[in-house]
C-alpha cells in the first residue's frame, strides 16, 4: 500500500507537464500513489497517458489579458471545473496537490483549498504567470526556479528550489540520436526547437537558410504540430519532427548546438546538458515577456547567447550561429561552473514537509 497519495495538475503546453514528469520517478521511490488532473482535451492528456499515470479530465476555461467574447463564458467553465475537481478529490482523498501552472490548475487548486488539502505550486519563469497569480492565494507554498522570482511572491510562500530536471534527459545516446536522424557524417549538429507548438519566426529563418546551413551542419528541426514540410523530408542532413518525446534525450545528446525559445524548463535542461545555446525568446507582442526575462538571466550568467526575434531579421540566423560557434568554449566553461542544480530534491522536501505539517 502506498505511503501517500499525490494528485498532480498542469497543462496547456508541454512546459506545464514535463516538470511534473521529472518528479514522478522520485515520488514513486518515496512510495507516493500518483494521479493527475488535466483538461479534457489538452496536450497533457496524451503526455500523461503515455506515462501510464491515471488521468482525470475536467472543464477548463482560458483566462485572457485581452478582450474576447469568451471572457464572459469561460468563468462558468472554471466554476464547472471546480465542481468536477471537488468530486475527484472527494473520491481520491489525496494527501497533497502539486500544481505546475496552466489554466486547468486554477479550479483544482481552489477545490483543494476548500477541502483543506495542502497545495504546492511551482513557477518556472522569473515572474509568476496569470494562472499561478490566481492560484497563489489558495497555495501553501510556491516553489520558484530563479532567485529573482522571490521578489514577486509572498515571503511566507516563496521557496527557491530550481527547476526539476527529468533524469532520463541526461541519459541520451549520441549514436542513437544520429541514427534516428539518418546522419552518417561528422558534421556538427544543430538542434532547433520552438516549443511544443512550434515557432513560425524560427521555422522560417531556418528553412530560408537551409542551403547555406547544410554545407557545414546537420539540422534537427522540432518544428511543432502542423508545421511539417513534406517537400523537405528527403533533404540530406535535415531531419524534421512535429514533436518528440522518448527520442528527445538522444537528439539532445547528439546535438552540438541548440537554437530554442526560452521556456524555463527547456533552458535548465540545456544547462544541465552543457549545450551551447542561442535563445530566441517569445516576443512581448505574443506573450507577457517572461521568456525575455528568462533569456536575459541566462545571458547575464554567461550560459547562452540571446537575440530577440525582432532583431533576428536584421542580423540573420547565419550570423548568430557563427557567433554561437565562436562562443562555444566560453559558454560551456560557464555552464560547468554553475551551481544551479536539479530542483527535484528541493521540491520533494517542500511536498513532504507540507504533508507532515498537516498531520
Foldseek 3Di string as FASTA:
>chain_A
DFPFEEEEEFFDFVLQPVLVVLQVVVCVVNRYQYAYEYAPDTPNVVVVVVVVHHYDHAFFAADDPDDDPCNVVRVVSLVRLLVVLLVVCVVPVGQEYEGEDDRSCQSNLVNCLVVVRAYEYEALFLERDPSCVNSVVSHQAYEYADPNNCVHHDVRHYDDQHGAARPVLQVAALVVLCVVQVNDDDAAEEEEAEGQAFDPLSVVLCVVCVVVCQVRYQYEYCGAPPPDDPVCCPPPSYHYDNDDDNSNSHNLLNHQEYEYEQGRRVLVSCLVNLHEYEYAHDDVVVDVCRSVVSVVVCVVLLQYHYDYSVCCVVCGPVNVVVVSVVCSVVNSVSSVPDPSDRSNVVVVVVRVVSSVVVD
